[in-house]
Each structure stands twice: as structure tokens, then as C-alpha cells.
Amino acid sequence: LFLTAICGIIAVFYKPKKENLLLPILIFIPLIYFAFSTTRHMHYGLFIYPFLILSGARFFDWLLSGKKARRVSALILFLAVFFYTFAYSLSLDLSAGRKNTKTSAGEWINSNIPQGASIGLLDVPSPWRTPPFNFFRYEIVNTYWNKTLLENYKPLYFVVTEYQWLRGRDYAQLKEYLKDYTELRRFKEY
């Protein structure tokens, strides 16, 4: 989509008309705003997608309205975009269709860690970063990356997800913080 949209914007400037310049303006103004004001929150710019789709469609329209060589290149480009999009969407569907890694981790915790054991967490439990295990069966210790809390409470087990080192800290800091613990089980999906 992005490549065809860029080609569509280039095609607009190939034969500039007033009505053709509206699409690039509707795309560039929000992109410039998001690039300089909310770079970490580009998902708020999803309303740009219809304009990108229109720009790509304009490019295909421009290709198909030309000579035979342009029509053949339009067909080849369309097939490449279609198969890439289909393969990417299929991989996401297959990934979303299997059991979530955190769900598997939560099931393992429930069946392998004894009831009443203390489990350390770096943050308050939440659906996007904590495996769904039975919190009422265990003593939950939130250390919040605080060394003093970790040393005072010394939880028997510690549950960590990649969220903890992908947002603000790195994996080396995590290993240093939990240097007295050994890894019992790792859950990973590709």
C-alpha cells in the first residue's frame, strides 16, 4: 500500500492538475503533523489510510490508461502487491489463530508453581504484559524495579515479559536486576 501510494503521489505530479493535488495535501499535512508532534503515537493517523488507498488506485488508473507496456506493468505490480498483502495477512491470521504465548505461560505457572508461593512482578499485573495465571493462589510481590523491595521481599519466583525490557529498560539491566534468579521456563513463538 505504501509503495503504491508513493507511486500514486509521483504520478499526480507527472501530469499536475488542480484536482490531483488534493490527495497529496490530504496525506502530507497529517504526516508532517504526526512526524513532528506525536511520533510515538502514529496509530492515531489511521484516517490517512483511505487517502493512501486512493493514491495507489490513482496510480493503477494512470498505468491502466496508458499503452500496453504500462498495462502489463500495472498487472505485475498489482499481483506483487496482492500476493505480498495476502501472505502477510495470512501470517498474521495464523499467528493470531494459535494459543497466545502469555496464555501458555499462565497455564504453566498454574500447574507448576505451588499454591501460596511468592511471585515477583516488575509492574502491576495487566493483560498486555502479564501472563493470565490465578493471582489469588499466590502471593504477588510488585517490586517496580526497586532493588530494596526485591531484597526485602525476595519472591521465590519472578515472572518477566519482553514488555519490561522493550519499554524503557534493556535486557542487560533486567538480567542484572534479577541476577539471583535462574530461568525455569521461557515461552516464545515465531
N, C-alpha and C. Protein backbone atom coordinates (compact mmCIF):
# COMPACT_ATOMS: atom_id res chain seq x y z
N LEU A 1 0.83 -1.19 0.00
CA LEU A 1 0.00 0.00 0.00
C LEU A 1 0.87 1.25 0.00
N PHE A 2 1.88 1.25 0.86
CA PHE A 2 2.71 2.44 0.98
C PHE A 2 3.46 2.71 -0.33
N LEU A 3 4.02 1.66 -0.93
CA LEU A 3 4.77 1.85 -2.18
C LEU A 3 3.86 2.31 -3.31
N THR A 4 2.68 1.70 -3.42
CA THR A 4 1.76 2.14 -4.48
C THR A 4 1.25 3.55 -4.21
N ALA A 5 1.08 3.92 -2.94
CA ALA A 5 0.65 5.28 -2.61
C ALA A 5 1.72 6.28 -3.01
N ILE A 6 2.99 5.95 -2.75
CA ILE A 6 4.08 6.85 -3.15
C ILE A 6 4.11 6.98 -4.67
N CYS A 7 3.94 5.85 -5.37
CA CYS A 7 3.90 5.91 -6.84
C CYS A 7 2.72 6.76 -7.30
N GLY A 8 1.59 6.66 -6.60
CA GLY A 8 0.42 7.48 -6.94
C GLY A 8 0.69 8.96 -6.76
N ILE A 9 1.41 9.30 -5.71
CA ILE A 9 1.74 10.72 -5.48
C ILE A 9 2.70 11.21 -6.56
N ILE A 10 3.66 10.37 -6.93
CA ILE A 10 4.58 10.74 -8.01
C ILE A 10 3.82 10.89 -9.32
N ALA A 11 2.86 9.98 -9.57
CA ALA A 11 2.06 10.06 -10.80
C ALA A 11 1.21 11.33 -10.83
N VAL A 12 0.76 11.79 -9.66
CA VAL A 12 0.00 13.03 -9.61
C VAL A 12 0.85 14.20 -10.10
N PHE A 13 2.13 14.22 -9.72
CA PHE A 13 2.99 15.31 -10.14
C PHE A 13 3.50 15.14 -11.57
N TYR A 14 3.30 13.94 -12.14
CA TYR A 14 3.71 13.70 -13.52
C TYR A 14 2.87 14.55 -14.47
N LYS A 15 1.56 14.57 -14.25
CA LYS A 15 0.66 15.44 -15.01
C LYS A 15 -0.16 16.24 -14.00
N PRO A 16 0.40 17.32 -13.48
CA PRO A 16 -0.30 18.04 -12.41
C PRO A 16 -1.58 18.72 -12.88
N LYS A 17 -2.64 18.48 -12.14
CA LYS A 17 -3.92 19.17 -12.30
C LYS A 17 -4.35 19.58 -10.91
N LYS A 18 -5.19 20.60 -10.83
CA LYS A 18 -5.61 21.08 -9.51
C LYS A 18 -6.28 19.98 -8.70
N GLU A 19 -7.17 19.21 -9.33
CA GLU A 19 -7.89 18.18 -8.57
C GLU A 19 -6.98 17.03 -8.13
N ASN A 20 -5.87 16.81 -8.83
CA ASN A 20 -4.93 15.76 -8.46
C ASN A 20 -4.06 16.14 -7.26
N LEU A 21 -3.91 17.44 -7.01
CA LEU A 21 -3.07 17.88 -5.92
C LEU A 21 -3.75 17.75 -4.55
N LEU A 22 -5.04 17.49 -4.52
CA LEU A 22 -5.76 17.38 -3.26
C LEU A 22 -5.30 16.17 -2.44
N LEU A 23 -5.08 15.04 -3.12
CA LEU A 23 -4.66 13.84 -2.40
C LEU A 23 -3.33 14.00 -1.68
N PRO A 24 -2.27 14.47 -2.34
CA PRO A 24 -1.01 14.64 -1.61
C PRO A 24 -1.13 15.61 -0.44
N ILE A 25 -1.94 16.66 -0.59
CA ILE A 25 -2.12 17.60 0.51
C ILE A 25 -2.79 16.89 1.70
N LEU A 26 -3.82 16.08 1.41
CA LEU A 26 -4.54 15.36 2.47
C LEU A 26 -3.67 14.30 3.14
N ILE A 27 -2.62 13.87 2.46
CA ILE A 27 -1.71 12.88 3.05
C ILE A 27 -0.56 13.57 3.78
N PHE A 28 0.06 14.58 3.15
CA PHE A 28 1.27 15.19 3.71
C PHE A 28 1.01 16.03 4.96
N ILE A 29 -0.06 16.77 5.00
CA ILE A 29 -0.31 17.62 6.18
C ILE A 29 -0.42 16.78 7.45
N PRO A 30 -1.25 15.71 7.47
CA PRO A 30 -1.28 14.88 8.70
C PRO A 30 0.06 14.18 8.97
N LEU A 31 0.75 13.72 7.92
CA LEU A 31 2.03 13.06 8.12
C LEU A 31 3.05 14.02 8.75
N ILE A 32 3.08 15.24 8.28
CA ILE A 32 4.00 16.23 8.85
C ILE A 32 3.63 16.51 10.30
N TYR A 33 2.33 16.63 10.56
CA TYR A 33 1.88 16.88 11.95
C TYR A 33 2.32 15.73 12.86
N PHE A 34 2.06 14.49 12.44
CA PHE A 34 2.42 13.34 13.28
C PHE A 34 3.93 13.17 13.40
N ALA A 35 4.66 13.51 12.35
CA ALA A 35 6.12 13.36 12.39
C ALA A 35 6.76 14.29 13.40
N PHE A 36 6.19 15.46 13.60
CA PHE A 36 6.81 16.43 14.49
C PHE A 36 6.12 16.60 15.84
N SER A 37 4.96 15.99 16.02
CA SER A 37 4.27 16.21 17.29
C SER A 37 4.03 14.93 18.08
N THR A 38 3.68 13.85 17.43
CA THR A 38 3.33 12.63 18.17
C THR A 38 3.99 11.42 17.53
N THR A 39 5.30 11.43 17.42
CA THR A 39 5.99 10.36 16.70
C THR A 39 5.79 9.00 17.33
N ARG A 40 5.50 8.93 18.62
CA ARG A 40 5.32 7.63 19.26
C ARG A 40 3.87 7.15 19.15
N HIS A 41 3.00 7.95 18.57
CA HIS A 41 1.58 7.60 18.52
C HIS A 41 1.02 7.72 17.11
N MET A 42 1.74 7.20 16.14
CA MET A 42 1.31 7.29 14.75
C MET A 42 -0.01 6.55 14.50
N HIS A 43 -0.38 5.64 15.40
CA HIS A 43 -1.63 4.90 15.19
C HIS A 43 -2.84 5.83 15.20
N TYR A 44 -2.71 7.04 15.72
CA TYR A 44 -3.81 8.00 15.63
C TYR A 44 -4.01 8.49 14.20
N GLY A 45 -3.05 8.24 13.35
CA GLY A 45 -3.14 8.69 11.97
C GLY A 45 -3.74 7.67 11.02
N LEU A 46 -4.46 6.70 11.55
CA LEU A 46 -5.05 5.67 10.68
C LEU A 46 -6.03 6.24 9.67
N PHE A 47 -6.58 7.42 9.93
CA PHE A 47 -7.50 8.03 8.97
C PHE A 47 -6.82 8.38 7.66
N ILE A 48 -5.49 8.33 7.61
CA ILE A 48 -4.75 8.62 6.38
C ILE A 48 -4.86 7.45 5.39
N TYR A 49 -5.10 6.25 5.89
CA TYR A 49 -5.12 5.06 5.04
C TYR A 49 -6.06 5.17 3.84
N PRO A 50 -7.30 5.65 3.99
CA PRO A 50 -8.15 5.76 2.79
C PRO A 50 -7.52 6.65 1.71
N PHE A 51 -6.84 7.72 2.14
CA PHE A 51 -6.19 8.59 1.16
C PHE A 51 -5.01 7.89 0.50
N LEU A 52 -4.28 7.06 1.26
CA LEU A 52 -3.20 6.27 0.67
C LEU A 52 -3.76 5.28 -0.34
N ILE A 53 -4.88 4.64 0.00
CA ILE A 53 -5.51 3.69 -0.92
C ILE A 53 -5.96 4.40 -2.19
N LEU A 54 -6.56 5.59 -2.03
CA LEU A 54 -6.96 6.36 -3.22
C LEU A 54 -5.76 6.75 -4.07
N SER A 55 -4.68 7.11 -3.42
CA SER A 55 -3.47 7.48 -4.16
C SER A 55 -2.95 6.28 -4.95
N GLY A 56 -2.90 5.11 -4.32
CA GLY A 56 -2.49 3.90 -5.03
C GLY A 56 -3.43 3.56 -6.17
N ALA A 57 -4.72 3.75 -5.94
CA ALA A 57 -5.71 3.49 -7.00
C ALA A 57 -5.51 4.45 -8.17
N ARG A 58 -5.18 5.70 -7.86
CA ARG A 58 -4.91 6.67 -8.93
C ARG A 58 -3.70 6.23 -9.76
N PHE A 59 -2.71 5.65 -9.07
CA PHE A 59 -1.53 5.18 -9.78
C PHE A 59 -1.90 4.03 -10.72
N PHE A 60 -2.68 3.08 -10.23
CA PHE A 60 -3.11 1.97 -11.10
C PHE A 60 -3.97 2.49 -12.25
N ASP A 61 -4.82 3.47 -11.98
CA ASP A 61 -5.63 4.07 -13.03
C ASP A 61 -4.76 4.71 -14.09
N TRP A 62 -3.72 5.41 -13.64
CA TRP A 62 -2.79 6.05 -14.58
C TRP A 62 -2.06 5.00 -15.41
N LEU A 63 -1.63 3.89 -14.78
CA LEU A 63 -0.95 2.83 -15.52
C LEU A 63 -1.88 2.16 -16.53
N LEU A 64 -3.10 1.87 -16.09
CA LEU A 64 -4.03 1.14 -16.96
C LEU A 64 -4.55 1.99 -18.11
N SER A 65 -4.48 3.30 -17.98
CA SER A 65 -4.97 4.16 -19.06
C SER A 65 -3.93 4.37 -20.16
N GLY A 66 -2.76 3.80 -19.98
CA GLY A 66 -1.68 4.01 -20.94
C GLY A 66 -1.58 2.91 -21.98
N LYS A 67 -0.40 2.81 -22.56
CA LYS A 67 -0.14 1.81 -23.59
C LYS A 67 -0.04 0.43 -22.98
N LYS A 68 0.15 -0.57 -23.85
CA LYS A 68 0.17 -1.96 -23.41
C LYS A 68 1.27 -2.23 -22.38
N ALA A 69 2.44 -1.64 -22.55
CA ALA A 69 3.55 -1.86 -21.61
C ALA A 69 3.18 -1.37 -20.21
N ARG A 70 2.51 -0.22 -20.14
CA ARG A 70 2.09 0.28 -18.82
C ARG A 70 1.02 -0.61 -18.22
N ARG A 71 0.11 -1.13 -19.05
CA ARG A 71 -0.94 -2.03 -18.53
C ARG A 71 -0.34 -3.32 -18.01
N VAL A 72 0.66 -3.86 -18.69
CA VAL A 72 1.33 -5.08 -18.24
C VAL A 72 2.06 -4.81 -16.92
N SER A 73 2.75 -3.67 -16.85
CA SER A 73 3.44 -3.34 -15.60
C SER A 73 2.44 -3.12 -14.46
N ALA A 74 1.26 -2.59 -14.77
CA ALA A 74 0.22 -2.43 -13.75
C ALA A 74 -0.24 -3.79 -13.24
N LEU A 75 -0.40 -4.74 -14.14
CA LEU A 75 -0.82 -6.09 -13.73
C LEU A 75 0.25 -6.75 -12.87
N ILE A 76 1.51 -6.62 -13.28
CA ILE A 76 2.62 -7.21 -12.49
C ILE A 76 2.69 -6.57 -11.11
N LEU A 77 2.60 -5.25 -11.06
CA LEU A 77 2.64 -4.55 -9.78
C LEU A 77 1.44 -4.94 -8.91
N PHE A 78 0.26 -5.01 -9.51
CA PHE A 78 -0.94 -5.40 -8.75
C PHE A 78 -0.77 -6.80 -8.17
N LEU A 79 -0.26 -7.74 -8.96
CA LEU A 79 -0.06 -9.11 -8.46
C LEU A 79 0.97 -9.14 -7.34
N ALA A 80 2.04 -8.36 -7.47
CA ALA A 80 3.05 -8.32 -6.41
C ALA A 80 2.46 -7.76 -5.12
N VAL A 81 1.72 -6.67 -5.22
CA VAL A 81 1.10 -6.08 -4.03
C VAL A 81 0.07 -7.04 -3.44
N PHE A 82 -0.73 -7.66 -4.31
CA PHE A 82 -1.77 -8.59 -3.84
C PHE A 82 -1.15 -9.78 -3.11
N PHE A 83 -0.15 -10.42 -3.70
CA PHE A 83 0.43 -11.60 -3.06
C PHE A 83 1.20 -11.27 -1.80
N TYR A 84 1.89 -10.12 -1.80
CA TYR A 84 2.58 -9.71 -0.58
C TYR A 84 1.56 -9.47 0.54
N THR A 85 0.51 -8.73 0.23
CA THR A 85 -0.52 -8.42 1.22
C THR A 85 -1.20 -9.70 1.70
N PHE A 86 -1.51 -10.61 0.77
CA PHE A 86 -2.15 -11.87 1.13
C PHE A 86 -1.25 -12.69 2.05
N ALA A 87 0.04 -12.81 1.70
CA ALA A 87 0.96 -13.60 2.52
C ALA A 87 1.14 -12.99 3.90
N TYR A 88 1.28 -11.68 3.96
CA TYR A 88 1.45 -11.00 5.25
C TYR A 88 0.20 -11.16 6.11
N SER A 89 -0.98 -10.97 5.51
CA SER A 89 -2.23 -11.13 6.25
C SER A 89 -2.41 -12.56 6.72
N LEU A 90 -2.04 -13.53 5.88
CA LEU A 90 -2.16 -14.93 6.26
C LEU A 90 -1.24 -15.24 7.45
N SER A 91 -0.03 -14.70 7.44
CA SER A 91 0.87 -14.95 8.57
C SER A 91 0.31 -14.36 9.85
N LEU A 92 -0.29 -13.17 9.78
CA LEU A 92 -0.90 -12.58 10.97
C LEU A 92 -2.10 -13.40 11.43
N ASP A 93 -2.91 -13.90 10.49
CA ASP A 93 -4.07 -14.73 10.85
C ASP A 93 -3.62 -16.03 11.51
N LEU A 94 -2.59 -16.65 10.97
CA LEU A 94 -2.08 -17.90 11.56
C LEU A 94 -1.52 -17.64 12.95
N SER A 95 -0.82 -16.52 13.11
CA SER A 95 -0.25 -16.18 14.40
C SER A 95 -1.36 -15.89 15.43
N ALA A 96 -2.38 -15.17 15.01
CA ALA A 96 -3.46 -14.81 15.93
C ALA A 96 -4.38 -16.01 16.20
N GLY A 97 -4.35 -17.00 15.33
CA GLY A 97 -5.24 -18.16 15.49
C GLY A 97 -4.75 -19.20 16.48
N ARG A 98 -3.48 -19.16 16.83
CA ARG A 98 -2.97 -20.15 17.78
C ARG A 98 -3.03 -19.59 19.20
N LYS A 99 -2.75 -20.44 20.15
CA LYS A 99 -2.80 -20.04 21.55
C LYS A 99 -1.74 -18.97 21.83
N ASN A 100 -2.15 -17.95 22.54
CA ASN A 100 -1.26 -16.86 22.89
C ASN A 100 -0.12 -17.38 23.78
N THR A 101 1.07 -16.84 23.58
CA THR A 101 2.23 -17.22 24.37
C THR A 101 2.01 -16.95 25.85
N LYS A 102 1.40 -15.81 26.17
CA LYS A 102 1.14 -15.49 27.57
C LYS A 102 0.14 -16.46 28.19
N THR A 103 -0.83 -16.93 27.41
CA THR A 103 -1.80 -17.91 27.92
C THR A 103 -1.08 -19.20 28.27
N SER A 104 -0.19 -19.65 27.41
CA SER A 104 0.59 -20.86 27.69
C SER A 104 1.43 -20.68 28.95
N ALA A 105 2.04 -19.50 29.11
CA ALA A 105 2.85 -19.23 30.29
C ALA A 105 1.98 -19.24 31.55
N GLY A 106 0.79 -18.65 31.48
CA GLY A 106 -0.12 -18.64 32.62
C GLY A 106 -0.55 -20.04 33.03
N GLU A 107 -0.83 -20.88 32.03
CA GLU A 107 -1.20 -22.27 32.33
C GLU A 107 -0.04 -23.01 32.99
N TRP A 108 1.17 -22.78 32.50
CA TRP A 108 2.34 -23.43 33.09
C TRP A 108 2.54 -22.99 34.54
N ILE A 109 2.38 -21.70 34.80
CA ILE A 109 2.53 -21.19 36.17
C ILE A 109 1.51 -21.86 37.09
N ASN A 110 0.25 -21.91 36.65
CA ASN A 110 -0.80 -22.52 37.48
C ASN A 110 -0.53 -23.98 37.79
N SER A 111 0.07 -24.71 36.87
CA SER A 111 0.27 -26.13 37.11
C SER A 111 1.64 -26.50 37.66
N ASN A 112 2.62 -25.58 37.65
CA ASN A 112 3.97 -25.93 38.08
C ASN A 112 4.49 -25.17 39.30
N ILE A 113 3.88 -24.06 39.62
CA ILE A 113 4.33 -23.31 40.80
C ILE A 113 3.35 -23.60 41.94
N PRO A 114 3.86 -24.02 43.08
CA PRO A 114 2.97 -24.41 44.18
C PRO A 114 2.13 -23.24 44.70
N GLN A 115 0.90 -23.58 45.10
CA GLN A 115 -0.01 -22.58 45.64
C GLN A 115 0.61 -21.94 46.88
N GLY A 116 0.44 -20.62 47.01
CA GLY A 116 0.97 -19.89 48.15
C GLY A 116 2.38 -19.37 47.96
N ALA A 117 3.06 -19.78 46.89
CA ALA A 117 4.42 -19.30 46.64
C ALA A 117 4.38 -17.82 46.28
N SER A 118 5.48 -17.14 46.57
CA SER A 118 5.55 -15.72 46.23
C SER A 118 6.09 -15.58 44.80
N ILE A 119 5.40 -14.74 44.04
CA ILE A 119 5.79 -14.48 42.65
C ILE A 119 6.03 -12.99 42.50
N GLY A 120 7.21 -12.65 42.04
CA GLY A 120 7.56 -11.26 41.84
C GLY A 120 7.19 -10.78 40.45
N LEU A 121 6.74 -9.55 40.38
CA LEU A 121 6.42 -8.88 39.12
C LEU A 121 7.08 -7.51 39.14
N LEU A 122 7.43 -7.01 37.97
CA LEU A 122 8.04 -5.69 37.89
C LEU A 122 7.01 -4.57 37.87
N ASP A 123 5.77 -4.91 37.55
CA ASP A 123 4.69 -3.93 37.46
C ASP A 123 3.41 -4.55 38.00
N VAL A 124 2.39 -3.74 38.11
CA VAL A 124 1.06 -4.24 38.47
C VAL A 124 0.59 -5.15 37.34
N PRO A 125 -0.04 -6.30 37.64
CA PRO A 125 -0.50 -7.20 36.56
C PRO A 125 -1.46 -6.49 35.60
N SER A 126 -1.24 -6.72 34.32
CA SER A 126 -2.12 -6.15 33.30
C SER A 126 -2.19 -7.11 32.12
N PRO A 127 -3.28 -7.09 31.36
CA PRO A 127 -3.48 -8.07 30.29
C PRO A 127 -2.42 -8.05 29.19
N TRP A 128 -1.80 -6.91 28.92
CA TRP A 128 -0.85 -6.85 27.80
C TRP A 128 0.57 -7.22 28.19
N ARG A 129 0.87 -7.35 29.50
CA ARG A 129 2.25 -7.67 29.84
C ARG A 129 2.39 -8.81 30.85
N THR A 130 1.29 -9.31 31.41
CA THR A 130 1.37 -10.33 32.44
C THR A 130 0.64 -11.59 31.99
N PRO A 131 1.26 -12.75 32.10
CA PRO A 131 0.54 -13.99 31.76
C PRO A 131 -0.69 -14.16 32.67
N PRO A 132 -1.79 -14.64 32.12
CA PRO A 132 -3.01 -14.78 32.92
C PRO A 132 -2.96 -16.04 33.80
N PHE A 133 -2.37 -15.91 34.97
CA PHE A 133 -2.39 -17.03 35.91
C PHE A 133 -3.31 -16.66 37.08
N ASN A 134 -3.59 -17.60 37.95
CA ASN A 134 -4.52 -17.39 39.05
C ASN A 134 -3.82 -16.57 40.15
N PHE A 135 -4.03 -15.27 40.14
CA PHE A 135 -3.35 -14.37 41.06
C PHE A 135 -3.73 -14.63 42.52
N PHE A 136 -4.90 -15.19 42.74
CA PHE A 136 -5.36 -15.42 44.12
C PHE A 136 -4.69 -16.63 44.77
N ARG A 137 -4.06 -17.47 43.99
CA ARG A 137 -3.37 -18.66 44.54
C ARG A 137 -1.97 -18.32 45.05
N TYR A 138 -1.45 -17.15 44.71
CA TYR A 138 -0.06 -16.82 45.01
C TYR A 138 0.05 -15.50 45.76
N GLU A 139 1.18 -15.31 46.38
CA GLU A 139 1.49 -14.02 47.00
C GLU A 139 2.22 -13.19 45.93
N ILE A 140 1.58 -12.15 45.46
CA ILE A 140 2.14 -11.32 44.40
C ILE A 140 2.98 -10.20 45.03
N VAL A 141 4.21 -10.07 44.56
CA VAL A 141 5.12 -9.04 45.07
C VAL A 141 5.50 -8.14 43.89
N ASN A 142 5.05 -6.89 43.95
CA ASN A 142 5.42 -5.91 42.92
C ASN A 142 6.66 -5.17 43.37
N THR A 143 7.75 -5.33 42.62
CA THR A 143 9.00 -4.66 43.02
C THR A 143 9.25 -3.35 42.28
N TYR A 144 8.57 -3.14 41.16
CA TYR A 144 8.69 -1.88 40.41
C TYR A 144 10.14 -1.51 40.10
N TRP A 145 10.99 -2.48 39.82
CA TRP A 145 12.41 -2.28 39.52
C TRP A 145 13.17 -1.70 40.73
N ASN A 146 12.61 -1.82 41.91
CA ASN A 146 13.22 -1.28 43.12
C ASN A 146 14.06 -2.37 43.79
N LYS A 147 15.38 -2.17 43.83
CA LYS A 147 16.30 -3.17 44.42
C LYS A 147 15.99 -3.43 45.89
N THR A 148 15.64 -2.40 46.62
CA THR A 148 15.35 -2.55 48.05
C THR A 148 14.14 -3.45 48.26
N LEU A 149 13.07 -3.22 47.49
CA LEU A 149 11.88 -4.08 47.60
C LEU A 149 12.22 -5.52 47.24
N LEU A 150 13.03 -5.70 46.21
CA LEU A 150 13.42 -7.05 45.79
C LEU A 150 14.19 -7.75 46.91
N GLU A 151 15.11 -7.05 47.53
CA GLU A 151 15.92 -7.66 48.60
C GLU A 151 15.10 -7.90 49.87
N ASN A 152 14.15 -7.02 50.17
CA ASN A 152 13.33 -7.18 51.38
C ASN A 152 12.33 -8.33 51.25
N TYR A 153 11.66 -8.46 50.10
CA TYR A 153 10.60 -9.47 49.95
C TYR A 153 11.11 -10.79 49.37
N LYS A 154 12.15 -10.75 48.59
CA LYS A 154 12.76 -11.94 47.97
C LYS A 154 11.72 -12.96 47.50
N PRO A 155 10.95 -12.63 46.46
CA PRO A 155 9.97 -13.60 45.96
C PRO A 155 10.67 -14.86 45.46
N LEU A 156 10.02 -16.02 45.65
CA LEU A 156 10.62 -17.30 45.22
C LEU A 156 10.72 -17.37 43.70
N TYR A 157 9.73 -16.83 43.02
CA TYR A 157 9.69 -16.87 41.55
C TYR A 157 9.52 -15.45 41.04
N PHE A 158 9.87 -15.27 39.79
CA PHE A 158 9.71 -13.96 39.16
C PHE A 158 9.19 -14.16 37.75
N VAL A 159 8.15 -13.44 37.38
CA VAL A 159 7.57 -13.51 36.03
C VAL A 159 7.94 -12.24 35.29
N VAL A 160 8.58 -12.42 34.14
CA VAL A 160 9.02 -11.28 33.34
C VAL A 160 8.58 -11.50 31.90
N THR A 161 8.12 -10.43 31.26
CA THR A 161 7.79 -10.50 29.83
C THR A 161 8.67 -9.50 29.09
N GLU A 162 8.72 -9.65 27.79
CA GLU A 162 9.57 -8.75 26.99
C GLU A 162 9.12 -7.30 27.11
N TYR A 163 7.89 -7.09 27.52
CA TYR A 163 7.41 -5.72 27.71
C TYR A 163 8.33 -4.96 28.67
N GLN A 164 8.84 -5.66 29.69
CA GLN A 164 9.66 -4.99 30.70
C GLN A 164 10.99 -4.47 30.15
N TRP A 165 11.57 -5.11 29.16
CA TRP A 165 12.85 -4.60 28.67
C TRP A 165 12.73 -3.96 27.29
N LEU A 166 11.56 -4.03 26.68
CA LEU A 166 11.40 -3.34 25.40
C LEU A 166 10.91 -1.91 25.59
N ARG A 167 10.44 -1.59 26.77
CA ARG A 167 9.93 -0.25 27.05
C ARG A 167 10.74 0.40 28.16
N GLY A 168 11.76 1.12 27.79
CA GLY A 168 12.48 1.92 28.76
C GLY A 168 13.75 1.28 29.31
N ARG A 169 13.77 -0.02 29.50
CA ARG A 169 14.95 -0.70 30.03
C ARG A 169 15.46 -1.67 28.97
N ASP A 170 16.66 -2.15 29.15
CA ASP A 170 17.14 -3.16 28.21
C ASP A 170 17.32 -4.49 28.92
N TYR A 171 17.58 -5.51 28.14
CA TYR A 171 17.67 -6.88 28.66
C TYR A 171 18.85 -7.03 29.64
N ALA A 172 19.94 -6.33 29.39
CA ALA A 172 21.10 -6.41 30.29
C ALA A 172 20.74 -5.86 31.68
N GLN A 173 19.97 -4.77 31.73
CA GLN A 173 19.53 -4.23 33.01
C GLN A 173 18.63 -5.23 33.74
N LEU A 174 17.76 -5.89 32.99
CA LEU A 174 16.87 -6.88 33.59
C LEU A 174 17.67 -8.04 34.18
N LYS A 175 18.66 -8.52 33.44
CA LYS A 175 19.49 -9.63 33.93
C LYS A 175 20.27 -9.22 35.18
N GLU A 176 20.74 -8.00 35.20
CA GLU A 176 21.47 -7.51 36.38
C GLU A 176 20.52 -7.39 37.57
N TYR A 177 19.31 -6.90 37.33
CA TYR A 177 18.33 -6.73 38.40
C TYR A 177 17.94 -8.09 39.00
N LEU A 178 17.80 -9.10 38.15
CA LEU A 178 17.37 -10.43 38.61
C LEU A 178 18.53 -11.43 38.61
N LYS A 179 19.72 -10.99 38.96
CA LYS A 179 20.92 -11.83 38.88
C LYS A 179 20.87 -13.03 39.83
N ASP A 180 20.07 -12.98 40.90
CA ASP A 180 19.99 -14.10 41.85
C ASP A 180 18.97 -15.16 41.41
N TYR A 181 18.31 -14.95 40.27
CA TYR A 181 17.29 -15.89 39.78
C TYR A 181 17.81 -16.64 38.57
N THR A 182 17.35 -17.88 38.40
CA THR A 182 17.67 -18.65 37.19
C THR A 182 16.38 -18.86 36.40
N GLU A 183 16.54 -18.93 35.12
CA GLU A 183 15.38 -19.10 34.24
C GLU A 183 14.86 -20.54 34.32
N LEU A 184 13.58 -20.68 34.67
CA LEU A 184 12.96 -22.01 34.72
C LEU A 184 12.34 -22.37 33.39
N ARG A 185 11.66 -21.43 32.78
CA ARG A 185 10.95 -21.72 31.54
C ARG A 185 10.81 -20.44 30.72
N ARG A 186 10.98 -20.57 29.42
CA ARG A 186 10.83 -19.45 28.51
C ARG A 186 9.75 -19.80 27.47
N PHE A 187 8.85 -18.88 27.22
CA PHE A 187 7.80 -19.09 26.25
C PHE A 187 8.03 -18.15 25.09
N LYS A 188 8.11 -18.72 23.89
CA LYS A 188 8.44 -17.92 22.71
C LYS A 188 7.74 -18.52 21.50
N GLU A 189 7.21 -17.66 20.66
CA GLU A 189 6.61 -18.08 19.39
C GLU A 189 7.20 -17.24 18.26
N TYR A 190 7.37 -17.85 17.12
CA TYR A 190 7.87 -17.11 15.96
C TYR A 190 6.75 -16.91 14.97
